Amino acid sequence: MSEQQITKEYIAYLKSILLSQLLLEANEELVATNRYKQNLKQQLNRVNNILEPIVREEFDNVYKTDPEMATNILNKIESIIDKISSYQIEELVMLEAVVDKYENNKEWFLKYAESDFLRLD
């Protein structure tokens, strides 16, 4: 298997882990809502009970492969999710425009934009 295939698989696992973790966290936030009734509570508990061990196992596998990369990616994604969740609707529209600019000119962003990664010791 080529390094590019391994990297694609690694990223796919990270995406799955992150989305599953986001779902777990979002489900926990529903507990405080008015609609969190018996049926919803039961369904969310089932989903959480299925996802939690899978997420933990897959995260552990990815983390063992490259702890520094996994930590940095998770930190960056958590940071962007926190930012996005705090934006107003009009700010989300502007953010989409920025993402579109990035998509249309990745080379420029890679050359001039900075992204800091934590060095694990």
C-alpha atoms as a PDB file:
ATOM      1  CA  MET A   1       0.000   0.000   0.000  1.00  0.00           C
ATOM      2  CA  SER A   2       1.425   3.387  -0.984  1.00  0.00           C
ATOM      3  CA  GLU A   3       2.020   6.214   1.476  1.00  0.00           C
ATOM      4  CA  GLN A   4      -0.642   8.275  -0.305  1.00  0.00           C
ATOM      5  CA  GLN A   5      -3.201   5.479   0.190  1.00  0.00           C
ATOM      6  CA  ILE A   6      -2.235   5.187   3.862  1.00  0.00           C
ATOM      7  CA  THR A   7      -2.592   8.938   4.292  1.00  0.00           C
ATOM      8  CA  LYS A   8      -6.019   8.935   2.599  1.00  0.00           C
ATOM      9  CA  GLU A   9      -7.147   6.055   4.799  1.00  0.00           C
ATOM     10  CA  TYR A  10      -5.727   7.783   7.886  1.00  0.00           C
ATOM     11  CA  ILE A  11      -7.592  10.997   7.047  1.00  0.00           C
ATOM     12  CA  ALA A  12     -10.801   9.053   6.351  1.00  0.00           C
ATOM     13  CA  TYR A  13     -10.567   7.437   9.794  1.00  0.00           C
ATOM     14  CA  LEU A  14      -9.908  10.800  11.408  1.00  0.00           C
ATOM     15  CA  LYS A  15     -12.963  12.294   9.699  1.00  0.00           C
ATOM     16  CA  SER A  16     -15.115   9.410  10.844  1.00  0.00           C
ATOM     17  CA  ILE A  17     -13.799   9.656  14.390  1.00  0.00           C
ATOM     18  CA  LEU A  18     -14.337  13.404  14.497  1.00  0.00           C
ATOM     19  CA  LEU A  19     -17.843  13.256  13.110  1.00  0.00           C
ATOM     20  CA  SER A  20     -18.746  10.481  15.512  1.00  0.00           C
ATOM     21  CA  GLN A  21     -17.315  12.457  18.417  1.00  0.00           C
ATOM     22  CA  LEU A  22     -19.240  15.541  17.319  1.00  0.00           C
ATOM     23  CA  LEU A  23     -22.419  13.470  17.202  1.00  0.00           C
ATOM     24  CA  LEU A  24     -21.750  12.153  20.707  1.00  0.00           C
ATOM     25  CA  GLU A  25     -21.199  15.671  22.007  1.00  0.00           C
ATOM     26  CA  ALA A  26     -24.244  17.048  20.189  1.00  0.00           C
ATOM     27  CA  ASN A  27     -26.370  14.252  21.643  1.00  0.00           C
ATOM     28  CA  GLU A  28     -25.161  15.130  25.141  1.00  0.00           C
ATOM     29  CA  GLU A  29     -26.250  18.737  24.585  1.00  0.00           C
ATOM     30  CA  LEU A  30     -29.776  17.590  23.710  1.00  0.00           C
ATOM     31  CA  VAL A  31     -30.299  16.366  27.261  1.00  0.00           C
ATOM     32  CA  ALA A  32     -30.984  19.949  28.382  1.00  0.00           C
ATOM     33  CA  THR A  33     -33.635  20.582  25.715  1.00  0.00           C
ATOM     34  CA  ASN A  34     -37.423  20.401  26.055  1.00  0.00           C
ATOM     35  CA  ARG A  35     -37.698  17.710  23.396  1.00  0.00           C
ATOM     36  CA  TYR A  36     -35.478  15.266  25.218  1.00  0.00           C
ATOM     37  CA  LYS A  37     -38.218  12.809  26.069  1.00  0.00           C
ATOM     38  CA  GLN A  38     -38.230   9.082  26.732  1.00  0.00           C
ATOM     39  CA  ASN A  39     -38.120   7.900  23.092  1.00  0.00           C
ATOM     40  CA  LEU A  40     -35.437  10.385  22.036  1.00  0.00           C
ATOM     41  CA  LYS A  41     -33.467   9.648  25.184  1.00  0.00           C
ATOM     42  CA  GLN A  42     -33.567   5.903  24.491  1.00  0.00           C
ATOM     43  CA  GLN A  43     -32.527   6.307  20.851  1.00  0.00           C
ATOM     44  CA  LEU A  44     -29.657   8.655  21.683  1.00  0.00           C
ATOM     45  CA  ASN A  45     -28.438   6.365  24.441  1.00  0.00           C
ATOM     46  CA  ARG A  46     -28.419   3.450  21.982  1.00  0.00           C
ATOM     47  CA  VAL A  47     -26.486   5.455  19.394  1.00  0.00           C
ATOM     48  CA  ASN A  48     -24.025   6.693  22.017  1.00  0.00           C
ATOM     49  CA  ASN A  49     -23.493   3.180  23.391  1.00  0.00           C
ATOM     50  CA  ILE A  50     -22.734   1.903  19.887  1.00  0.00           C
ATOM     51  CA  LEU A  51     -20.493   4.801  18.858  1.00  0.00           C
ATOM     52  CA  GLU A  52     -18.410   5.336  21.989  1.00  0.00           C
ATOM     53  CA  PRO A  53     -16.397   2.093  21.893  1.00  0.00           C
ATOM     54  CA  ILE A  54     -15.936   2.336  18.116  1.00  0.00           C
ATOM     55  CA  VAL A  55     -14.751   5.936  18.329  1.00  0.00           C
ATOM     56  CA  ARG A  56     -12.381   5.103  21.182  1.00  0.00           C
ATOM     57  CA  GLU A  57     -10.903   2.071  19.412  1.00  0.00           C
ATOM     58  CA  GLU A  58     -10.434   3.855  16.082  1.00  0.00           C
ATOM     59  CA  PHE A  59      -9.033   6.955  17.747  1.00  0.00           C
ATOM     60  CA  ASP A  60      -6.542   4.836  19.668  1.00  0.00           C
ATOM     61  CA  ASN A  61      -5.440   3.134  16.419  1.00  0.00           C
ATOM     62  CA  VAL A  62      -4.993   6.450  14.596  1.00  0.00           C
ATOM     63  CA  TYR A  63      -3.267   8.015  17.591  1.00  0.00           C
ATOM     64  CA  LYS A  64      -0.788   5.125  17.883  1.00  0.00           C
ATOM     65  CA  THR A  65       0.159   5.576  14.228  1.00  0.00           C
ATOM     66  CA  ASP A  66       1.083   9.254  14.592  1.00  0.00           C
ATOM     67  CA  PRO A  67       0.253  10.915  17.940  1.00  0.00           C
ATOM     68  CA  GLU A  68       1.535  14.326  16.922  1.00  0.00           C
ATOM     69  CA  MET A  69      -0.425  14.484  13.678  1.00  0.00           C
ATOM     70  CA  ALA A  70      -3.595  13.143  15.311  1.00  0.00           C
ATOM     71  CA  THR A  71      -3.340  15.661  18.161  1.00  0.00           C
ATOM     72  CA  ASN A  72      -2.721  18.582  15.820  1.00  0.00           C
ATOM     73  CA  ILE A  73      -5.563  17.664  13.483  1.00  0.00           C
ATOM     74  CA  LEU A  74      -7.997  17.168  16.348  1.00  0.00           C
ATOM     75  CA  ASN A  75      -6.989  20.484  17.936  1.00  0.00           C
ATOM     76  CA  LYS A  76      -7.373  22.378  14.655  1.00  0.00           C
ATOM     77  CA  ILE A  77     -10.751  20.831  13.901  1.00  0.00           C
ATOM     78  CA  GLU A  78     -12.008  21.470  17.442  1.00  0.00           C
ATOM     79  CA  SER A  79     -10.861  25.080  17.135  1.00  0.00           C
ATOM     80  CA  ILE A  80     -12.655  25.643  13.837  1.00  0.00           C
ATOM     81  CA  ILE A  81     -15.828  23.971  15.096  1.00  0.00           C
ATOM     82  CA  ASP A  82     -15.806  26.216  18.171  1.00  0.00           C
ATOM     83  CA  LYS A  83     -15.403  29.261  15.933  1.00  0.00           C
ATOM     84  CA  ILE A  84     -18.111  28.207  13.492  1.00  0.00           C
ATOM     85  CA  SER A  85     -20.574  27.419  16.271  1.00  0.00           C
ATOM     86  CA  SER A  86     -20.152  30.926  17.691  1.00  0.00           C
ATOM     87  CA  TYR A  87     -20.778  32.735  14.360  1.00  0.00           C
ATOM     88  CA  GLN A  88     -23.957  34.554  13.450  1.00  0.00           C
ATOM     89  CA  ILE A  89     -25.725  33.627  10.202  1.00  0.00           C
ATOM     90  CA  GLU A  90     -24.213  36.548   8.246  1.00  0.00           C
ATOM     91  CA  GLU A  91     -20.739  35.544   9.445  1.00  0.00           C
ATOM     92  CA  LEU A  92     -21.287  31.995   8.189  1.00  0.00           C
ATOM     93  CA  VAL A  93     -22.082  33.390   4.751  1.00  0.00           C
ATOM     94  CA  MET A  94     -18.807  35.327   4.806  1.00  0.00           C
ATOM     95  CA  LEU A  95     -16.937  32.242   6.017  1.00  0.00           C
ATOM     96  CA  GLU A  96     -18.275  30.300   3.074  1.00  0.00           C
ATOM     97  CA  ALA A  97     -16.906  33.010   0.773  1.00  0.00           C
ATOM     98  CA  VAL A  98     -13.481  32.688   2.420  1.00  0.00           C
ATOM     99  CA  VAL A  99     -13.571  28.899   2.009  1.00  0.00           C
ATOM    100  CA  ASP A 100     -14.520  29.351  -1.649  1.00  0.00           C
ATOM    101  CA  LYS A 101     -11.530  31.702  -2.114  1.00  0.00           C
ATOM    102  CA  TYR A 102      -9.312  29.055  -0.536  1.00  0.00           C
ATOM    103  CA  GLU A 103     -10.715  26.337  -2.797  1.00  0.00           C
ATOM    104  CA  ASN A 104     -10.075  28.496  -5.878  1.00  0.00           C
ATOM    105  CA  ASN A 105      -6.520  29.463  -4.889  1.00  0.00           C
ATOM    106  CA  LYS A 106      -5.033  26.863  -2.546  1.00  0.00           C
ATOM    107  CA  GLU A 107      -1.492  27.547  -3.725  1.00  0.00           C
ATOM    108  CA  TRP A 108      -1.662  31.187  -2.563  1.00  0.00           C
ATOM    109  CA  PHE A 109      -3.009  30.203   0.850  1.00  0.00           C
ATOM    110  CA  LEU A 110      -0.387  27.511   1.281  1.00  0.00           C
ATOM    111  CA  LYS A 111       2.319  30.020   0.400  1.00  0.00           C
ATOM    112  CA  TYR A 112       1.138  33.011   2.463  1.00  0.00           C
ATOM    113  CA  ALA A 113      -1.139  31.708   5.218  1.00  0.00           C
ATOM    114  CA  GLU A 114       0.236  30.192   8.391  1.00  0.00           C
ATOM    115  CA  SER A 115      -0.972  27.287  10.443  1.00  0.00           C
ATOM    116  CA  ASP A 116       0.743  26.469  13.690  1.00  0.00           C
ATOM    117  CA  PHE A 117       1.106  22.921  14.860  1.00  0.00           C
ATOM    118  CA  LEU A 118       1.942  21.851  18.362  1.00  0.00           C
ATOM    119  CA  ARG A 119       5.182  19.942  18.779  1.00  0.00           C
ATOM    120  CA  LEU A 120       4.707  17.059  21.209  1.00  0.00           C
ATOM    121  CA  ASP A 121       7.616  16.355  23.514  1.00  0.00           C
END
